[in-house]
Amino acid sequence: MALGAGLIRRLTVGECPWLCAGCSTALREWKLDEVTKAVEELPDGGPVSLYFDALGTFRRGRAWLVPAVNAAALQRQEQVVSAITATGADLHRHYVPGRWVPHCTLAPRVPLSALPTLTAAVYDVLPLQAEVTRAARIDSSTGHLHALERIP
């Protein structure tokens, strides 16, 4: 039950989960100023509604919520990727359109033995309706967050 309460806190009030469209960990080489400018020049797409009703996992234990996304959300991710890669940035293959799996990370390294507990807690909370109301560029190596004026 404590895990469920912590999960609810993370998703609703305590922390701000994110949906990564092309995050800095996905960029292997880039010029920060050029990438920032390219993303900031994208048009404002406005808020995005998401519906979460499933738990997913990636290799090496990353657990995440699975959002239902529409074609418009996928197109927006493609626009972000196009803007980033047009600067010469080298994007990791997992974030390339057609390979990108939309996800909202809950925990980066969940041991296999903890998955049943995590799964039970997640399904006690789901389904969730969420609205993306802001966007940022986050340097995951430092935790520095640069808020964007609009949502690309």
N, C-alpha and C. Protein backbone atom coordinates (compact mmCIF):
# COMPACT_ATOMS: atom_id res chain seq x y z
N MET A 1 0.82 -1.20 0.00
CA MET A 1 0.00 0.00 0.00
C MET A 1 0.86 1.26 0.00
N ALA A 2 2.00 1.23 0.71
CA ALA A 2 2.86 2.41 0.73
C ALA A 2 3.38 2.72 -0.67
N LEU A 3 3.68 1.69 -1.43
CA LEU A 3 4.15 1.91 -2.80
C LEU A 3 3.06 2.58 -3.62
N GLY A 4 1.82 2.15 -3.46
CA GLY A 4 0.70 2.76 -4.18
C GLY A 4 0.54 4.21 -3.82
N ALA A 5 0.66 4.55 -2.54
CA ALA A 5 0.54 5.94 -2.11
C ALA A 5 1.66 6.78 -2.70
N GLY A 6 2.87 6.23 -2.72
CA GLY A 6 4.00 6.95 -3.31
C GLY A 6 3.82 7.15 -4.80
N LEU A 7 3.26 6.16 -5.45
CA LEU A 7 3.01 6.26 -6.88
C LEU A 7 1.99 7.35 -7.17
N ILE A 8 0.92 7.38 -6.39
CA ILE A 8 -0.10 8.42 -6.58
C ILE A 8 0.53 9.79 -6.37
N ARG A 9 1.37 9.94 -5.35
CA ARG A 9 2.03 11.22 -5.08
C ARG A 9 2.89 11.61 -6.28
N ARG A 10 3.66 10.67 -6.82
CA ARG A 10 4.54 10.97 -7.95
C ARG A 10 3.73 11.44 -9.15
N LEU A 11 2.60 10.82 -9.39
CA LEU A 11 1.84 11.11 -10.60
C LEU A 11 0.93 12.31 -10.47
N THR A 12 0.63 12.74 -9.27
CA THR A 12 -0.37 13.79 -9.13
C THR A 12 0.15 15.09 -8.53
N VAL A 13 0.93 15.02 -7.47
CA VAL A 13 1.30 16.27 -6.82
C VAL A 13 2.78 16.44 -6.51
N GLY A 14 3.45 15.37 -6.14
CA GLY A 14 4.81 15.51 -5.61
C GLY A 14 5.87 15.75 -6.65
N GLU A 15 5.83 15.01 -7.73
CA GLU A 15 6.85 15.13 -8.75
C GLU A 15 6.17 15.32 -10.08
N CYS A 16 6.92 15.78 -11.03
CA CYS A 16 6.37 16.02 -12.35
C CYS A 16 6.88 14.96 -13.30
N PRO A 17 6.07 13.94 -13.60
CA PRO A 17 6.52 12.95 -14.58
C PRO A 17 6.58 13.58 -15.96
N TRP A 18 7.30 12.96 -16.87
CA TRP A 18 7.44 13.55 -18.19
C TRP A 18 7.22 12.50 -19.27
N LEU A 19 6.90 13.00 -20.42
CA LEU A 19 6.79 12.17 -21.62
C LEU A 19 7.90 12.66 -22.54
N CYS A 20 8.88 11.83 -22.77
CA CYS A 20 10.07 12.24 -23.52
C CYS A 20 9.85 12.09 -25.01
N ALA A 21 10.05 13.19 -25.74
CA ALA A 21 9.90 13.16 -27.19
C ALA A 21 11.25 13.05 -27.90
N GLY A 22 12.30 13.39 -27.22
CA GLY A 22 13.65 13.34 -27.79
C GLY A 22 14.58 13.92 -26.76
N CYS A 23 14.75 13.23 -25.65
CA CYS A 23 15.43 13.81 -24.49
C CYS A 23 16.94 13.83 -24.65
N SER A 24 17.60 14.57 -23.76
CA SER A 24 19.05 14.75 -23.87
C SER A 24 19.80 13.44 -23.72
N THR A 25 19.24 12.48 -22.99
CA THR A 25 19.92 11.19 -22.91
C THR A 25 19.88 10.48 -24.25
N ALA A 26 18.93 10.89 -25.10
CA ALA A 26 18.82 10.29 -26.43
C ALA A 26 19.75 10.97 -27.42
N LEU A 27 20.28 12.13 -27.06
CA LEU A 27 21.21 12.84 -27.94
C LEU A 27 22.63 12.43 -27.58
N ARG A 28 23.33 11.89 -28.54
CA ARG A 28 24.69 11.43 -28.28
C ARG A 28 25.71 12.53 -28.56
N GLU A 29 25.42 13.38 -29.52
CA GLU A 29 26.26 14.55 -29.82
C GLU A 29 25.34 15.68 -30.22
N TRP A 30 25.55 16.86 -29.65
CA TRP A 30 24.71 17.99 -29.98
C TRP A 30 25.35 19.28 -29.52
N LYS A 31 24.89 20.39 -30.10
CA LYS A 31 25.30 21.73 -29.67
C LYS A 31 24.09 22.32 -28.95
N LEU A 32 24.24 22.50 -27.65
CA LEU A 32 23.13 22.89 -26.78
C LEU A 32 22.37 24.11 -27.29
N ASP A 33 23.09 25.17 -27.63
CA ASP A 33 22.42 26.40 -28.07
C ASP A 33 21.61 26.17 -29.35
N GLU A 34 22.14 25.39 -30.28
CA GLU A 34 21.44 25.14 -31.54
C GLU A 34 20.19 24.29 -31.32
N VAL A 35 20.30 23.26 -30.49
CA VAL A 35 19.15 22.41 -30.20
C VAL A 35 18.07 23.21 -29.48
N THR A 36 18.47 24.00 -28.49
CA THR A 36 17.51 24.82 -27.74
C THR A 36 16.78 25.77 -28.68
N LYS A 37 17.52 26.45 -29.54
CA LYS A 37 16.90 27.39 -30.47
C LYS A 37 15.94 26.68 -31.43
N ALA A 38 16.35 25.54 -31.94
CA ALA A 38 15.51 24.80 -32.89
C ALA A 38 14.19 24.37 -32.26
N VAL A 39 14.24 23.90 -31.03
CA VAL A 39 13.02 23.46 -30.35
C VAL A 39 12.15 24.66 -29.99
N GLU A 40 12.78 25.74 -29.54
CA GLU A 40 12.00 26.93 -29.17
C GLU A 40 11.33 27.59 -30.37
N GLU A 41 11.83 27.36 -31.58
CA GLU A 41 11.24 27.94 -32.78
C GLU A 41 10.04 27.15 -33.30
N LEU A 42 9.82 25.96 -32.75
CA LEU A 42 8.67 25.17 -33.18
C LEU A 42 7.38 25.86 -32.76
N PRO A 43 6.31 25.71 -33.54
CA PRO A 43 5.05 26.35 -33.17
C PRO A 43 4.45 25.73 -31.92
N ASP A 44 3.66 26.52 -31.22
CA ASP A 44 2.98 26.05 -30.02
C ASP A 44 1.88 25.08 -30.43
N GLY A 45 1.96 23.86 -29.95
CA GLY A 45 0.94 22.86 -30.25
C GLY A 45 -0.16 22.82 -29.21
N GLY A 46 0.02 23.56 -28.12
CA GLY A 46 -0.98 23.56 -27.06
C GLY A 46 -0.92 22.30 -26.21
N PRO A 47 -1.78 22.24 -25.19
CA PRO A 47 -1.80 21.09 -24.30
C PRO A 47 -2.11 19.79 -25.03
N VAL A 48 -1.65 18.69 -24.44
CA VAL A 48 -1.86 17.35 -24.99
C VAL A 48 -2.55 16.51 -23.93
N SER A 49 -3.67 15.90 -24.28
CA SER A 49 -4.35 14.99 -23.36
C SER A 49 -3.80 13.58 -23.55
N LEU A 50 -3.55 12.90 -22.43
CA LEU A 50 -3.05 11.53 -22.46
C LEU A 50 -3.91 10.67 -21.55
N TYR A 51 -4.04 9.42 -21.93
CA TYR A 51 -4.78 8.45 -21.14
C TYR A 51 -3.85 7.28 -20.87
N PHE A 52 -3.64 6.98 -19.59
CA PHE A 52 -2.77 5.88 -19.18
C PHE A 52 -3.61 4.74 -18.61
N ASP A 53 -3.44 3.53 -19.13
CA ASP A 53 -4.18 2.39 -18.60
C ASP A 53 -3.36 1.11 -18.65
N ALA A 54 -2.02 1.24 -18.71
CA ALA A 54 -1.19 0.04 -18.77
C ALA A 54 0.22 0.35 -18.25
N LEU A 55 0.91 -0.69 -17.83
CA LEU A 55 2.29 -0.62 -17.37
C LEU A 55 3.16 -1.32 -18.40
N GLY A 56 4.30 -0.71 -18.71
CA GLY A 56 5.24 -1.32 -19.63
C GLY A 56 6.61 -1.43 -18.99
N THR A 57 7.48 -2.22 -19.60
CA THR A 57 8.87 -2.32 -19.16
C THR A 57 9.77 -2.36 -20.38
N PHE A 58 10.95 -1.80 -20.20
CA PHE A 58 12.02 -1.92 -21.18
C PHE A 58 13.09 -2.82 -20.59
N ARG A 59 14.02 -3.23 -21.44
CA ARG A 59 15.15 -4.02 -20.94
C ARG A 59 15.87 -3.24 -19.84
N ARG A 60 16.54 -3.95 -19.00
CA ARG A 60 17.31 -3.40 -17.88
C ARG A 60 16.42 -2.76 -16.82
N GLY A 61 15.12 -3.10 -16.80
CA GLY A 61 14.29 -2.76 -15.66
C GLY A 61 13.56 -1.45 -15.65
N ARG A 62 13.57 -0.68 -16.73
CA ARG A 62 12.82 0.58 -16.73
C ARG A 62 11.33 0.27 -16.80
N ALA A 63 10.58 0.76 -15.80
CA ALA A 63 9.13 0.57 -15.76
C ALA A 63 8.46 1.90 -16.09
N TRP A 64 7.39 1.82 -16.86
CA TRP A 64 6.78 3.06 -17.35
C TRP A 64 5.29 2.88 -17.58
N LEU A 65 4.59 4.00 -17.57
CA LEU A 65 3.18 4.01 -17.92
C LEU A 65 3.06 4.12 -19.43
N VAL A 66 2.10 3.41 -19.98
CA VAL A 66 1.86 3.41 -21.42
C VAL A 66 0.74 4.40 -21.73
N PRO A 67 1.05 5.47 -22.45
CA PRO A 67 -0.02 6.41 -22.82
C PRO A 67 -0.66 6.01 -24.15
N ALA A 68 -1.94 6.24 -24.23
CA ALA A 68 -2.61 6.13 -25.53
C ALA A 68 -2.34 7.45 -26.23
N VAL A 69 -1.76 7.40 -27.41
CA VAL A 69 -1.45 8.63 -28.14
C VAL A 69 -2.14 8.59 -29.50
N ASN A 70 -2.49 9.77 -29.96
CA ASN A 70 -3.13 9.85 -31.29
C ASN A 70 -2.09 10.24 -32.33
N ALA A 71 -2.51 10.29 -33.57
CA ALA A 71 -1.60 10.61 -34.68
C ALA A 71 -0.99 12.00 -34.51
N ALA A 72 -1.75 12.94 -33.95
CA ALA A 72 -1.23 14.29 -33.76
C ALA A 72 -0.05 14.30 -32.79
N ALA A 73 -0.11 13.51 -31.74
CA ALA A 73 1.00 13.43 -30.78
C ALA A 73 2.24 12.83 -31.44
N LEU A 74 2.05 11.82 -32.25
CA LEU A 74 3.18 11.22 -32.96
C LEU A 74 3.79 12.21 -33.94
N GLN A 75 2.93 12.98 -34.61
CA GLN A 75 3.43 13.99 -35.55
C GLN A 75 4.23 15.06 -34.82
N ARG A 76 3.78 15.45 -33.64
CA ARG A 76 4.51 16.45 -32.86
C ARG A 76 5.88 15.93 -32.46
N GLN A 77 5.97 14.65 -32.08
CA GLN A 77 7.26 14.07 -31.74
C GLN A 77 8.17 14.09 -32.96
N GLU A 78 7.62 13.77 -34.13
CA GLU A 78 8.40 13.80 -35.37
C GLU A 78 8.93 15.21 -35.64
N GLN A 79 8.13 16.23 -35.37
CA GLN A 79 8.56 17.61 -35.59
C GLN A 79 9.71 17.98 -34.65
N VAL A 80 9.62 17.54 -33.39
CA VAL A 80 10.70 17.80 -32.44
C VAL A 80 11.98 17.12 -32.91
N VAL A 81 11.87 15.86 -33.31
CA VAL A 81 13.04 15.11 -33.79
C VAL A 81 13.63 15.77 -35.04
N SER A 82 12.78 16.19 -35.96
CA SER A 82 13.28 16.86 -37.18
C SER A 82 14.04 18.13 -36.84
N ALA A 83 13.49 18.92 -35.91
CA ALA A 83 14.16 20.16 -35.50
C ALA A 83 15.50 19.88 -34.84
N ILE A 84 15.53 18.88 -33.97
CA ILE A 84 16.76 18.54 -33.26
C ILE A 84 17.82 18.01 -34.24
N THR A 85 17.44 17.08 -35.08
CA THR A 85 18.42 16.46 -35.98
C THR A 85 18.86 17.42 -37.09
N ALA A 86 18.04 18.41 -37.43
CA ALA A 86 18.43 19.40 -38.43
C ALA A 86 19.63 20.23 -37.95
N THR A 87 19.87 20.25 -36.65
CA THR A 87 21.02 20.98 -36.11
C THR A 87 22.30 20.17 -36.20
N GLY A 88 22.18 18.90 -36.63
CA GLY A 88 23.34 18.02 -36.68
C GLY A 88 23.45 17.13 -35.46
N ALA A 89 22.50 17.25 -34.53
CA ALA A 89 22.53 16.42 -33.33
C ALA A 89 22.34 14.95 -33.72
N ASP A 90 23.02 14.08 -32.99
CA ASP A 90 22.94 12.64 -33.23
C ASP A 90 21.96 12.05 -32.22
N LEU A 91 20.79 11.66 -32.69
CA LEU A 91 19.72 11.14 -31.84
C LEU A 91 19.83 9.62 -31.72
N HIS A 92 19.69 9.11 -30.52
CA HIS A 92 19.71 7.67 -30.30
C HIS A 92 18.59 7.01 -31.10
N ARG A 93 18.85 5.83 -31.63
CA ARG A 93 17.90 5.15 -32.51
C ARG A 93 16.55 4.87 -31.86
N HIS A 94 16.47 4.76 -30.54
CA HIS A 94 15.19 4.48 -29.88
C HIS A 94 14.22 5.67 -29.93
N TYR A 95 14.71 6.86 -30.29
CA TYR A 95 13.85 8.04 -30.35
C TYR A 95 13.52 8.46 -31.77
N VAL A 96 13.97 7.68 -32.73
CA VAL A 96 13.67 7.96 -34.13
C VAL A 96 12.20 7.62 -34.39
N PRO A 97 11.47 8.50 -35.11
CA PRO A 97 10.08 8.17 -35.44
C PRO A 97 9.98 6.78 -36.08
N GLY A 98 9.00 6.03 -35.64
CA GLY A 98 8.84 4.65 -36.10
C GLY A 98 9.45 3.64 -35.14
N ARG A 99 10.37 4.11 -34.29
CA ARG A 99 10.97 3.26 -33.25
C ARG A 99 10.63 3.77 -31.85
N TRP A 100 10.32 5.06 -31.75
CA TRP A 100 10.03 5.68 -30.46
C TRP A 100 8.79 5.06 -29.84
N VAL A 101 8.89 4.69 -28.58
CA VAL A 101 7.75 4.16 -27.83
C VAL A 101 7.37 5.22 -26.79
N PRO A 102 6.23 5.89 -26.97
CA PRO A 102 5.81 6.89 -25.99
C PRO A 102 5.73 6.24 -24.61
N HIS A 103 6.28 6.91 -23.60
CA HIS A 103 6.26 6.34 -22.25
C HIS A 103 6.47 7.43 -21.21
N CYS A 104 6.01 7.16 -20.03
CA CYS A 104 6.19 8.03 -18.87
C CYS A 104 6.87 7.19 -17.81
N THR A 105 8.17 7.39 -17.62
CA THR A 105 8.97 6.55 -16.72
C THR A 105 8.51 6.68 -15.28
N LEU A 106 8.34 5.54 -14.63
CA LEU A 106 8.05 5.48 -13.20
C LEU A 106 9.31 5.19 -12.40
N ALA A 107 10.13 4.25 -12.90
CA ALA A 107 11.34 3.85 -12.20
C ALA A 107 12.35 3.35 -13.22
N PRO A 108 13.61 3.81 -13.13
CA PRO A 108 14.59 3.45 -14.15
C PRO A 108 15.19 2.05 -13.99
N ARG A 109 15.25 1.51 -12.81
CA ARG A 109 15.90 0.20 -12.61
C ARG A 109 15.10 -0.63 -11.60
N VAL A 110 14.07 -1.29 -12.07
CA VAL A 110 13.24 -2.12 -11.19
C VAL A 110 13.74 -3.56 -11.25
N PRO A 111 14.16 -4.11 -10.10
CA PRO A 111 14.58 -5.52 -10.11
C PRO A 111 13.38 -6.42 -10.46
N LEU A 112 13.65 -7.50 -11.14
CA LEU A 112 12.60 -8.42 -11.54
C LEU A 112 11.76 -8.86 -10.34
N SER A 113 12.40 -9.03 -9.20
CA SER A 113 11.68 -9.48 -8.00
C SER A 113 10.69 -8.44 -7.48
N ALA A 114 10.88 -7.17 -7.85
CA ALA A 114 9.98 -6.10 -7.39
C ALA A 114 8.83 -5.82 -8.35
N LEU A 115 8.87 -6.40 -9.54
CA LEU A 115 7.81 -6.13 -10.53
C LEU A 115 6.41 -6.48 -10.05
N PRO A 116 6.19 -7.60 -9.36
CA PRO A 116 4.82 -7.87 -8.90
C PRO A 116 4.28 -6.80 -7.96
N THR A 117 5.13 -6.29 -7.07
CA THR A 117 4.70 -5.24 -6.15
C THR A 117 4.41 -3.95 -6.89
N LEU A 118 5.30 -3.58 -7.81
CA LEU A 118 5.10 -2.38 -8.60
C LEU A 118 3.83 -2.50 -9.44
N THR A 119 3.67 -3.64 -10.08
CA THR A 119 2.50 -3.85 -10.94
C THR A 119 1.20 -3.73 -10.15
N ALA A 120 1.14 -4.33 -8.98
CA ALA A 120 -0.06 -4.24 -8.15
C ALA A 120 -0.35 -2.79 -7.77
N ALA A 121 0.69 -2.04 -7.41
CA ALA A 121 0.49 -0.64 -7.03
C ALA A 121 0.01 0.20 -8.21
N VAL A 122 0.60 -0.03 -9.38
CA VAL A 122 0.21 0.73 -10.56
C VAL A 122 -1.24 0.46 -10.92
N TYR A 123 -1.63 -0.80 -10.91
CA TYR A 123 -3.00 -1.13 -11.32
C TYR A 123 -4.03 -0.76 -10.25
N ASP A 124 -3.58 -0.43 -9.04
CA ASP A 124 -4.49 0.14 -8.04
C ASP A 124 -4.80 1.59 -8.37
N VAL A 125 -3.92 2.25 -9.12
CA VAL A 125 -4.06 3.67 -9.44
C VAL A 125 -4.69 3.90 -10.82
N LEU A 126 -4.32 3.05 -11.78
CA LEU A 126 -4.80 3.24 -13.15
C LEU A 126 -6.29 2.94 -13.26
N PRO A 127 -6.97 3.52 -14.21
CA PRO A 127 -6.49 4.40 -15.28
C PRO A 127 -6.32 5.84 -14.81
N LEU A 128 -5.49 6.58 -15.54
CA LEU A 128 -5.26 8.00 -15.27
C LEU A 128 -5.45 8.81 -16.53
N GLN A 129 -6.09 9.93 -16.40
CA GLN A 129 -6.19 10.92 -17.48
C GLN A 129 -5.23 12.04 -17.11
N ALA A 130 -4.42 12.47 -18.03
CA ALA A 130 -3.44 13.52 -17.75
C ALA A 130 -3.44 14.53 -18.89
N GLU A 131 -3.00 15.73 -18.56
CA GLU A 131 -2.86 16.75 -19.59
C GLU A 131 -1.47 17.36 -19.48
N VAL A 132 -0.75 17.33 -20.60
CA VAL A 132 0.57 17.95 -20.67
C VAL A 132 0.33 19.44 -20.87
N THR A 133 0.77 20.24 -19.91
CA THR A 133 0.51 21.68 -19.95
C THR A 133 1.78 22.51 -20.05
N ARG A 134 2.92 21.85 -20.06
CA ARG A 134 4.19 22.58 -20.19
C ARG A 134 5.24 21.65 -20.76
N ALA A 135 6.29 22.26 -21.27
CA ALA A 135 7.39 21.50 -21.86
C ALA A 135 8.71 22.09 -21.39
N ALA A 136 9.74 21.27 -21.39
CA ALA A 136 11.06 21.71 -20.96
C ALA A 136 12.13 20.89 -21.66
N ARG A 137 13.32 21.47 -21.71
CA ARG A 137 14.50 20.74 -22.12
C ARG A 137 15.23 20.40 -20.83
N ILE A 138 15.47 19.13 -20.60
CA ILE A 138 16.11 18.68 -19.36
C ILE A 138 17.43 18.03 -19.68
N ASP A 139 18.49 18.47 -19.02
CA ASP A 139 19.79 17.82 -19.13
C ASP A 139 19.82 16.75 -18.05
N SER A 140 19.63 15.50 -18.44
CA SER A 140 19.52 14.43 -17.46
C SER A 140 20.84 14.16 -16.74
N SER A 141 21.97 14.65 -17.25
CA SER A 141 23.24 14.45 -16.56
C SER A 141 23.40 15.39 -15.37
N THR A 142 22.70 16.54 -15.42
CA THR A 142 22.80 17.51 -14.33
C THR A 142 21.48 17.74 -13.62
N GLY A 143 20.38 17.38 -14.26
CA GLY A 143 19.06 17.65 -13.71
C GLY A 143 18.57 19.06 -14.02
N HIS A 144 19.39 19.85 -14.75
CA HIS A 144 19.00 21.22 -15.07
C HIS A 144 17.80 21.21 -16.01
N LEU A 145 16.78 21.98 -15.65
CA LEU A 145 15.56 22.08 -16.43
C LEU A 145 15.46 23.46 -17.04
N HIS A 146 15.25 23.53 -18.34
CA HIS A 146 15.06 24.79 -19.05
C HIS A 146 13.63 24.78 -19.59
N ALA A 147 12.74 25.51 -18.92
CA ALA A 147 11.34 25.54 -19.34
C ALA A 147 11.22 26.21 -20.71
N LEU A 148 10.38 25.63 -21.54
CA LEU A 148 10.08 26.21 -22.84
C LEU A 148 8.84 27.10 -22.71
N GLU A 149 8.75 28.12 -23.54
CA GLU A 149 7.63 29.04 -23.48
C GLU A 149 6.34 28.41 -23.99
N ARG A 150 6.47 27.39 -24.82
CA ARG A 150 5.28 26.73 -25.38
C ARG A 150 5.55 25.23 -25.51
N ILE A 151 4.50 24.50 -25.86
CA ILE A 151 4.61 23.06 -26.04
C ILE A 151 4.72 22.76 -27.53
N PRO A 152 5.89 22.31 -27.98
CA PRO A 152 6.03 22.04 -29.42
C PRO A 152 5.08 20.93 -29.88
